[in-house]
C-alpha atoms as a PDB file:
ATOM      1  CA  MET A   1    -101.844-101.967 -75.505  1.00  0.00           C
ATOM      2  CA  ALA A   2    -100.401 -98.522 -76.310  1.00  0.00           C
ATOM      3  CA  ASP A   3     -97.727 -97.325 -73.929  1.00  0.00           C
ATOM      4  CA  GLU A   4     -98.224 -93.974 -72.370  1.00  0.00           C
ATOM      5  CA  PRO A   5     -95.135 -91.718 -72.866  1.00  0.00           C
ATOM      6  CA  GLY A   6     -92.987 -91.559 -69.705  1.00  0.00           C
ATOM      7  CA  LEU A   7     -95.190 -94.256 -67.782  1.00  0.00           C
ATOM      8  CA  LEU A   8     -93.755 -97.587 -66.765  1.00  0.00           C
ATOM      9  CA  VAL A   9     -95.919-100.519 -67.969  1.00  0.00           C
ATOM     10  CA  LEU A  10     -96.403-103.211 -65.231  1.00  0.00           C
ATOM     11  CA  GLY A  11     -97.993-106.554 -65.473  1.00  0.00           C
ATOM     12  CA  TRP A  12    -100.679-107.571 -63.021  1.00  0.00           C
ATOM     13  CA  LYS A  13     -97.881-109.230 -61.005  1.00  0.00           C
ATOM     14  CA  GLU A  14     -94.359-108.203 -60.659  1.00  0.00           C
ATOM     15  CA  ARG A  15     -91.246-108.707 -58.379  1.00  0.00           C
ATOM     16  CA  ILE A  16     -90.203-105.889 -56.309  1.00  0.00           C
ATOM     17  CA  ASP A  17     -87.233-105.061 -54.029  1.00  0.00           C
ATOM     18  CA  PHE A  18     -87.332-103.491 -50.704  1.00  0.00           C
ATOM     19  CA  LEU A  19     -84.216-101.403 -50.764  1.00  0.00           C
ATOM     20  CA  ASP A  20     -84.251-100.359 -47.210  1.00  0.00           C
ATOM     21  CA  TRP A  21     -84.403-103.902 -45.897  1.00  0.00           C
ATOM     22  CA  GLY A  22     -82.141-105.608 -48.370  1.00  0.00           C
ATOM     23  CA  LEU A  23     -85.037-107.837 -49.718  1.00  0.00           C
ATOM     24  CA  ARG A  24     -85.005-108.702 -53.450  1.00  0.00           C
ATOM     25  CA  ARG A  25     -87.452-110.184 -55.907  1.00  0.00           C
ATOM     26  CA  VAL A  26     -90.526-110.221 -53.586  1.00  0.00           C
ATOM     27  CA  LYS A  27     -93.734-111.219 -55.442  1.00  0.00           C
ATOM     28  CA  ALA A  28     -96.338-108.386 -55.502  1.00  0.00           C
ATOM     29  CA  LYS A  29     -99.826-108.163 -56.904  1.00  0.00           C
ATOM     30  CA  ILE A  30    -100.383-105.002 -58.751  1.00  0.00           C
ATOM     31  CA  ASP A  31    -103.962-104.170 -57.539  1.00  0.00           C
ATOM     32  CA  THR A  32    -105.589-101.061 -59.070  1.00  0.00           C
ATOM     33  CA  GLY A  33    -108.627-101.996 -57.182  1.00  0.00           C
ATOM     34  CA  ALA A  34    -106.936-101.243 -53.944  1.00  0.00           C
ATOM     35  CA  ARG A  35    -106.212 -97.634 -52.931  1.00  0.00           C
ATOM     36  CA  THR A  36    -103.538 -98.491 -50.522  1.00  0.00           C
ATOM     37  CA  SER A  37    -100.616-100.972 -50.538  1.00  0.00           C
ATOM     38  CA  ALA A  38    -100.311-103.734 -48.074  1.00  0.00           C
ATOM     39  CA  LEU A  39     -97.474-105.698 -46.671  1.00  0.00           C
ATOM     40  CA  GLY A  40     -98.070-109.249 -45.133  1.00  0.00           C
ATOM     41  CA  ALA A  41     -96.317-110.052 -41.959  1.00  0.00           C
ATOM     42  CA  VAL A  42     -96.249-113.360 -40.128  1.00  0.00           C
ATOM     43  CA  TYR A  43     -96.399-111.435 -36.981  1.00  0.00           C
ATOM     44  CA  TYR A  44     -96.170-107.764 -35.922  1.00  0.00           C
ATOM     45  CA  GLU A  45     -96.294-105.889 -32.801  1.00  0.00           C
ATOM     46  CA  MET A  46     -96.494-102.136 -32.238  1.00  0.00           C
ATOM     47  CA  ALA A  47     -94.658-100.272 -29.406  1.00  0.00           C
ATOM     48  CA  ASN A  48     -93.798 -96.909 -28.205  1.00  0.00           C
ATOM     49  CA  LEU A  49     -89.949 -96.785 -27.615  1.00  0.00           C
ATOM     50  CA  PRO A  50     -88.043 -93.988 -25.797  1.00  0.00           C
ATOM     51  CA  GLY A  51     -85.998 -92.160 -28.382  1.00  0.00           C
ATOM     52  CA  GLU A  52     -87.575 -94.048 -31.320  1.00  0.00           C
ATOM     53  CA  GLY A  53     -91.206 -93.087 -30.961  1.00  0.00           C
ATOM     54  CA  ARG A  54     -93.821 -95.450 -32.197  1.00  0.00           C
ATOM     55  CA  VAL A  55     -92.475 -98.435 -34.085  1.00  0.00           C
ATOM     56  CA  VAL A  56     -93.696-101.857 -35.409  1.00  0.00           C
ATOM     57  CA  ASP A  57     -91.443-104.867 -35.134  1.00  0.00           C
ATOM     58  CA  LEU A  58     -92.207-106.984 -38.192  1.00  0.00           C
ATOM     59  CA  VAL A  59     -91.502-110.645 -38.874  1.00  0.00           C
ATOM     60  CA  LEU A  60     -91.769-111.107 -42.576  1.00  0.00           C
ATOM     61  CA  ALA A  61     -91.712-114.367 -44.560  1.00  0.00           C
ATOM     62  CA  LEU A  62     -92.003-113.066 -48.142  1.00  0.00           C
ATOM     63  CA  ASP A  63     -91.372-116.380 -49.960  1.00  0.00           C
ATOM     64  CA  ARG A  64     -94.160-118.866 -49.906  1.00  0.00           C
ATOM     65  CA  ARG A  65     -91.889-121.611 -51.016  1.00  0.00           C
ATOM     66  CA  ALA A  66     -89.493-120.847 -47.907  1.00  0.00           C
ATOM     67  CA  PRO A  67     -91.830-119.945 -44.962  1.00  0.00           C
ATOM     68  CA  ASP A  68     -89.049-120.647 -42.486  1.00  0.00           C
ATOM     69  CA  ARG A  69     -86.896-117.916 -43.951  1.00  0.00           C
ATOM     70  CA  GLN A  70     -87.934-114.999 -41.970  1.00  0.00           C
ATOM     71  CA  VAL A  71     -86.805-111.495 -41.736  1.00  0.00           C
ATOM     72  CA  ARG A  72     -87.240-109.105 -38.790  1.00  0.00           C
ATOM     73  CA  GLN A  73     -87.350-105.409 -39.147  1.00  0.00           C
ATOM     74  CA  ARG A  74     -88.178-102.568 -36.820  1.00  0.00           C
ATOM     75  CA  VAL A  75     -89.888 -99.742 -38.665  1.00  0.00           C
ATOM     76  CA  PRO A  76     -91.305 -96.322 -37.571  1.00  0.00           C
ATOM     77  CA  VAL A  77     -95.221 -96.214 -37.730  1.00  0.00           C
ATOM     78  CA  LEU A  78     -96.421 -93.088 -39.422  1.00  0.00           C
ATOM     79  CA  GLN A  79     -99.983 -93.611 -38.334  1.00  0.00           C
ATOM     80  CA  THR A  80    -102.780 -96.202 -37.882  1.00  0.00           C
ATOM     81  CA  VAL A  81    -105.687 -96.426 -40.335  1.00  0.00           C
ATOM     82  CA  VAL A  82    -108.949 -98.453 -40.524  1.00  0.00           C
ATOM     83  CA  VAL A  83    -109.181-100.314 -43.813  1.00  0.00           C
ATOM     84  CA  ARG A  84    -111.631-102.827 -45.215  1.00  0.00           C
ATOM     85  CA  ASN A  85    -109.790-106.112 -45.808  1.00  0.00           C
ATOM     86  CA  SER A  86    -110.427-108.513 -48.707  1.00  0.00           C
ATOM     87  CA  ALA A  87    -113.067-110.172 -46.640  1.00  0.00           C
ATOM     88  CA  GLY A  88    -114.880-106.840 -46.334  1.00  0.00           C
ATOM     89  CA  GLN A  89    -114.101-106.551 -42.488  1.00  0.00           C
ATOM     90  CA  ARG A  90    -112.830-103.323 -40.940  1.00  0.00           C
ATOM     91  CA  GLU A  91    -109.248-103.737 -39.736  1.00  0.00           C
ATOM     92  CA  THR A  92    -107.014-101.167 -37.912  1.00  0.00           C
ATOM     93  CA  ARG A  93    -103.452-101.308 -39.300  1.00  0.00           C
ATOM     94  CA  PRO A  94    -100.076 -99.512 -38.940  1.00  0.00           C
ATOM     95  CA  VAL A  95     -98.894 -97.353 -41.924  1.00  0.00           C
ATOM     96  CA  ILE A  96     -95.198 -97.584 -42.694  1.00  0.00           C
ATOM     97  CA  GLU A  97     -93.003 -96.150 -45.328  1.00  0.00           C
ATOM     98  CA  THR A  98     -90.075 -97.617 -47.342  1.00  0.00           C
ATOM     99  CA  ARG A  99     -88.219 -97.367 -50.573  1.00  0.00           C
ATOM    100  CA  ILE A 100     -89.088-100.017 -53.195  1.00  0.00           C
ATOM    101  CA  ARG A 101     -87.683-100.695 -56.668  1.00  0.00           C
ATOM    102  CA  VAL A 102     -89.959-102.102 -59.398  1.00  0.00           C
ATOM    103  CA  GLY A 103     -88.176-102.655 -62.597  1.00  0.00           C
ATOM    104  CA  PRO A 104     -86.263 -99.441 -63.279  1.00  0.00           C
ATOM    105  CA  LEU A 105     -88.357 -97.403 -60.930  1.00  0.00           C
ATOM    106  CA  THR A 106     -87.360 -96.423 -57.336  1.00  0.00           C
ATOM    107  CA  LYS A 107     -89.602 -94.660 -55.049  1.00  0.00           C
ATOM    108  CA  VAL A 108     -90.859 -94.313 -51.391  1.00  0.00           C
ATOM    109  CA  ILE A 109     -94.223 -95.857 -50.819  1.00  0.00           C
ATOM    110  CA  ARG A 110     -96.531 -96.246 -47.882  1.00  0.00           C
ATOM    111  CA  LEU A 111     -97.905 -99.663 -46.947  1.00  0.00           C
ATOM    112  CA  THR A 112    -100.275-100.925 -44.354  1.00  0.00           C
ATOM    113  CA  VAL A 113     -99.227-103.927 -42.327  1.00  0.00           C
ATOM    114  CA  THR A 114    -101.445-106.854 -41.956  1.00  0.00           C
ATOM    115  CA  HIS A 115    -101.496-110.737 -41.812  1.00  0.00           C
ATOM    116  CA  ARG A 116    -101.541-112.095 -45.472  1.00  0.00           C
ATOM    117  CA  GLY A 117    -100.523-115.681 -44.685  1.00  0.00           C
ATOM    118  CA  SER A 118    -103.488-117.243 -46.563  1.00  0.00           C
ATOM    119  CA  MET A 119    -102.969-114.982 -49.528  1.00  0.00           C
ATOM    120  CA  ARG A 120    -101.109-115.832 -52.656  1.00  0.00           C
ATOM    121  CA  PHE A 121     -99.027-112.558 -52.617  1.00  0.00           C
ATOM    122  CA  PRO A 122     -97.170-111.247 -49.602  1.00  0.00           C
ATOM    123  CA  VAL A 123     -97.460-107.702 -51.135  1.00  0.00           C
ATOM    124  CA  ILE A 124    -100.165-105.701 -52.696  1.00  0.00           C
ATOM    125  CA  LEU A 125     -99.201-102.577 -54.660  1.00  0.00           C
ATOM    126  CA  GLY A 126    -102.353-100.214 -54.833  1.00  0.00           C
ATOM    127  CA  ARG A 127    -103.142 -97.165 -56.863  1.00  0.00           C
ATOM    128  CA  GLN A 128    -101.542 -94.710 -54.507  1.00  0.00           C
ATOM    129  CA  ALA A 129     -98.012 -96.373 -54.918  1.00  0.00           C
ATOM    130  CA  LEU A 130     -98.414 -96.444 -58.609  1.00  0.00           C
ATOM    131  CA  ALA A 131    -100.143 -93.040 -59.553  1.00  0.00           C
ATOM    132  CA  GLY A 132     -98.275 -90.859 -61.852  1.00  0.00           C
ATOM    133  CA  ASP A 133     -95.552 -93.397 -62.593  1.00  0.00           C
ATOM    134  CA  CYS A 134     -97.228 -96.587 -63.899  1.00  0.00           C
ATOM    135  CA  ILE A 135     -99.935 -98.073 -65.872  1.00  0.00           C
ATOM    136  CA  VAL A 136    -101.032-101.711 -65.633  1.00  0.00           C
ATOM    137  CA  ASP A 137    -101.444-104.159 -68.481  1.00  0.00           C
ATOM    138  CA  VAL A 138    -103.808-106.662 -66.722  1.00  0.00           C
ATOM    139  CA  SER A 139    -103.336-109.282 -69.501  1.00  0.00           C
ATOM    140  CA  ARG A 140     -99.598-109.636 -68.761  1.00  0.00           C
ATOM    141  CA  LYS A 141     -97.251-110.432 -65.849  1.00  0.00           C
ATOM    142  CA  TYR A 142     -93.635-110.038 -64.907  1.00  0.00           C
ATOM    143  CA  LEU A 143     -92.871-107.479 -67.573  1.00  0.00           C
ATOM    144  CA  LEU A 144     -89.968-105.761 -65.718  1.00  0.00           C
ATOM    145  CA  ARG A 145     -86.465-106.570 -65.021  1.00  0.00           C
ATOM    146  CA  ASN A 146     -84.532-104.483 -62.294  1.00  0.00           C
ATOM    147  CA  LYS A 147     -83.052-101.661 -64.495  1.00  0.00           C
ATOM    148  CA  ARG A 148     -82.672 -98.498 -62.485  1.00  0.00           C
ATOM    149  CA  ARG A 149     -84.714 -95.305 -63.003  1.00  0.00           C
ATOM    150  CA  GLY A 150     -85.811 -92.504 -60.664  1.00  0.00           C
END
């Protein structure tokens, strides 16, 4: 596959860092068939808090081999959206924003929050998160190491 000048080549699965939350090497499926990105939470609850506005409290278990290792985060909710999940059902989800690093690229992306416990990957990176920065070689995986760029 010929590399496009200036674009980062990703495999169909990569490891990403969530910089704002101090989480490293989280498995992510790079899914060009998905428009939006999704973050799997063991549990989440939305609330309107005085002085903070609308937030979502997340309980994340991002390593399938260590499901008891959970991380809690409180994140502002930008909006709620209705999406079709992988089973084709309509689902209302909160939308959050955070900084990620994938290989050398650091950027702010938006993710919907959902329950992904039965899925192999806790994170899906969709087209909107990758547009303009990356291309995907679907025949390869884990192409990147965390060298900083951007």
